[in-house]
Amino acid sequence: MFFLAVKKEKYRGFFVSDLIKMNLHELINNEAIFQIFADNIKLSVAIKNDNLEFIYTNKAFCELFGKDGNDLIGKDDSCILPQEIAKQSRIREQETFVTGKKSQLIEHIPTGDGQIRNFEVSRIPIANHKGNIAGILIILSDSS
């Protein structure tokens, strides 16, 4: 069973569910629906594993950093961000793992075209079936 646990709260006018449960079969069957949804929203979305490596990036995220999604899978922020910014991002993500709490900050992030823009960055812990944090959902919303 896979669990995506998040608090019910309003985010940009939408309510986020308390808990979404899926077994592997459901996850595979719903992957196409998820992909259609994720690739058609304006928010840049990524999911990282417990090693803080990308395991999923949506179309908007890839376009933002000028990368192909396949080139990001299995890599960390150092492949898209300057060293110091990637280091700060890693510290914030490790904090999310330790505390199990969502964080939301405005961050100055360089994009693939060299611009530095302001983003509201949400880091949301993803729990596994045992309730342990197994990954992080990252949502970037341009606030420039």
Protein backbone atom coordinates (compact mmCIF):
# COMPACT_ATOMS: atom_id res chain seq x y z
CA MET A 1 0.00 0.00 0.00
CA PHE A 2 1.30 3.48 -0.86
CA PHE A 3 0.23 6.42 1.24
CA LEU A 4 0.39 10.08 0.43
CA ALA A 5 -0.35 11.80 3.71
CA VAL A 6 -0.96 15.50 3.84
CA LYS A 7 -2.99 17.73 6.11
CA LYS A 8 -6.34 18.92 4.81
CA GLU A 9 -5.82 22.54 4.00
CA LYS A 10 -6.52 25.05 1.34
CA TYR A 11 -3.67 25.51 -1.11
CA ARG A 12 -4.14 28.12 -3.84
CA GLY A 13 -7.91 27.75 -3.62
CA PHE A 14 -7.97 23.95 -3.66
CA PHE A 15 -8.40 21.52 -0.78
CA VAL A 16 -5.74 18.87 -0.37
CA SER A 17 -7.02 15.49 0.82
CA ASP A 18 -6.18 14.10 4.23
CA LEU A 19 -4.90 10.77 2.99
CA ILE A 20 -4.71 9.06 -0.37
CA LYS A 21 -4.12 5.30 -0.24
CA MET A 22 -3.16 3.20 -3.24
CA ASN A 23 -1.80 -0.27 -3.66
CA LEU A 24 0.71 -0.89 -6.44
CA HIS A 25 -1.97 -2.07 -8.88
CA GLU A 26 -4.05 1.08 -8.32
CA LEU A 27 -0.94 3.24 -8.62
CA ILE A 28 -0.07 1.73 -12.00
CA ASN A 29 -3.67 2.03 -13.23
CA ASN A 30 -3.87 5.65 -12.10
CA GLU A 31 -0.45 6.69 -13.39
CA ALA A 32 -1.84 7.86 -16.73
CA ILE A 33 -4.52 9.96 -15.01
CA PHE A 34 -1.93 11.42 -12.62
CA GLN A 35 0.41 12.21 -15.53
CA ILE A 36 -2.36 14.03 -17.43
CA PHE A 37 -3.20 16.07 -14.32
CA ALA A 38 0.40 16.84 -13.37
CA ASP A 39 1.44 17.84 -16.88
CA ASN A 40 -1.48 20.22 -17.32
CA ILE A 41 -1.15 22.33 -14.19
CA LYS A 42 0.94 25.48 -14.12
CA LEU A 43 2.72 24.51 -10.91
CA SER A 44 6.14 22.90 -11.15
CA VAL A 45 6.01 19.57 -9.30
CA ALA A 46 8.69 17.06 -8.34
CA ILE A 47 8.85 14.07 -6.03
CA LYS A 48 12.07 12.98 -4.34
CA ASN A 49 12.92 9.73 -2.58
CA ASP A 50 14.58 9.36 0.83
CA ASN A 51 17.99 9.98 -0.78
CA LEU A 52 16.63 13.34 -2.00
CA GLU A 53 16.88 12.20 -5.61
CA PHE A 54 14.21 12.98 -8.17
CA ILE A 55 11.83 10.11 -8.84
CA TYR A 56 9.24 12.24 -10.66
CA THR A 57 9.11 15.66 -12.34
CA ASN A 58 6.18 17.13 -14.24
CA LYS A 59 6.35 18.93 -17.56
CA ALA A 60 6.31 22.42 -15.98
CA PHE A 61 9.24 21.52 -13.68
CA CYS A 62 11.32 20.25 -16.60
CA GLU A 63 10.53 23.31 -18.71
CA LEU A 64 11.37 25.64 -15.81
CA PHE A 65 14.89 24.22 -15.55
CA GLY A 66 15.35 23.45 -19.26
CA LYS A 67 15.81 19.73 -18.67
CA ASP A 68 14.29 16.49 -19.90
CA GLY A 69 12.56 14.55 -17.12
CA ASN A 70 14.55 11.41 -17.86
CA ASP A 71 17.76 13.35 -17.28
CA LEU A 72 16.63 14.32 -13.76
CA ILE A 73 15.50 10.93 -12.43
CA GLY A 74 17.97 9.56 -9.89
CA LYS A 75 19.75 12.91 -9.53
CA ASP A 76 19.62 15.63 -6.89
CA ASP A 77 19.29 19.42 -7.07
CA SER A 78 22.93 19.86 -8.05
CA CYS A 79 21.99 19.00 -11.65
CA ILE A 80 19.67 22.03 -11.91
CA LEU A 81 20.86 24.53 -9.28
CA PRO A 82 24.13 26.26 -8.39
CA GLN A 83 26.03 24.49 -5.60
CA GLU A 84 25.11 26.86 -2.74
CA ILE A 85 21.40 26.95 -3.59
CA ALA A 86 21.34 23.16 -4.02
CA LYS A 87 23.00 22.82 -0.59
CA GLN A 88 20.35 25.05 1.05
CA SER A 89 17.58 23.11 -0.67
CA ARG A 90 19.02 19.83 0.62
CA ILE A 91 19.13 21.21 4.19
CA ARG A 92 15.46 22.23 3.96
CA GLU A 93 14.49 18.84 2.53
CA GLN A 94 16.39 16.98 5.25
CA GLU A 95 14.54 19.11 7.81
CA THR A 96 11.24 18.01 6.25
CA PHE A 97 12.33 14.38 6.64
CA VAL A 98 13.30 14.88 10.28
CA THR A 99 10.26 16.90 11.38
CA GLY A 100 7.68 15.30 9.12
CA LYS A 101 6.19 18.77 8.67
CA LYS A 102 5.37 20.69 5.53
CA SER A 103 7.45 23.78 4.86
CA GLN A 104 6.54 26.71 2.68
CA LEU A 105 9.04 29.45 1.85
CA ILE A 106 9.68 32.11 -0.74
CA GLU A 107 12.99 31.29 -2.42
CA HIS A 108 15.08 32.97 -5.12
CA ILE A 109 15.81 30.28 -7.70
CA PRO A 110 17.70 30.51 -10.98
CA THR A 111 15.81 28.97 -13.88
CA GLY A 112 17.12 27.16 -16.93
CA ASP A 113 17.21 30.38 -18.94
CA GLY A 114 19.44 32.11 -16.36
CA GLN A 115 16.77 34.29 -14.75
CA ILE A 116 16.51 34.42 -10.96
CA ARG A 117 12.85 34.34 -9.97
CA ASN A 118 10.92 34.22 -6.72
CA PHE A 119 9.07 30.98 -6.04
CA GLU A 120 6.82 29.86 -3.23
CA VAL A 121 8.34 26.45 -2.54
CA SER A 122 6.28 23.89 -0.64
CA ARG A 123 7.95 20.73 0.63
CA ILE A 124 5.39 18.16 1.73
CA PRO A 125 6.45 14.88 3.37
CA ILE A 126 5.12 11.66 1.84
CA ALA A 127 4.60 8.82 4.33
CA ASN A 128 4.85 5.11 3.57
CA HIS A 129 2.48 2.42 4.88
CA LYS A 130 4.31 2.41 8.25
CA GLY A 131 3.92 6.16 8.64
CA ASN A 132 7.61 6.83 7.99
CA ILE A 133 8.60 9.64 5.66
CA ALA A 134 9.59 8.00 2.39
CA GLY A 135 9.73 10.98 0.07
CA ILE A 136 8.98 14.64 -0.45
CA LEU A 137 6.50 16.29 -2.77
CA ILE A 138 7.91 19.63 -3.96
CA ILE A 139 5.66 22.30 -5.47
CA LEU A 140 7.05 25.51 -6.97
CA SER A 141 4.72 28.39 -7.66
CA ASP A 142 6.16 31.47 -9.38
CA SER A 143 5.58 34.50 -7.17
CA SER A 144 7.74 36.95 -9.16
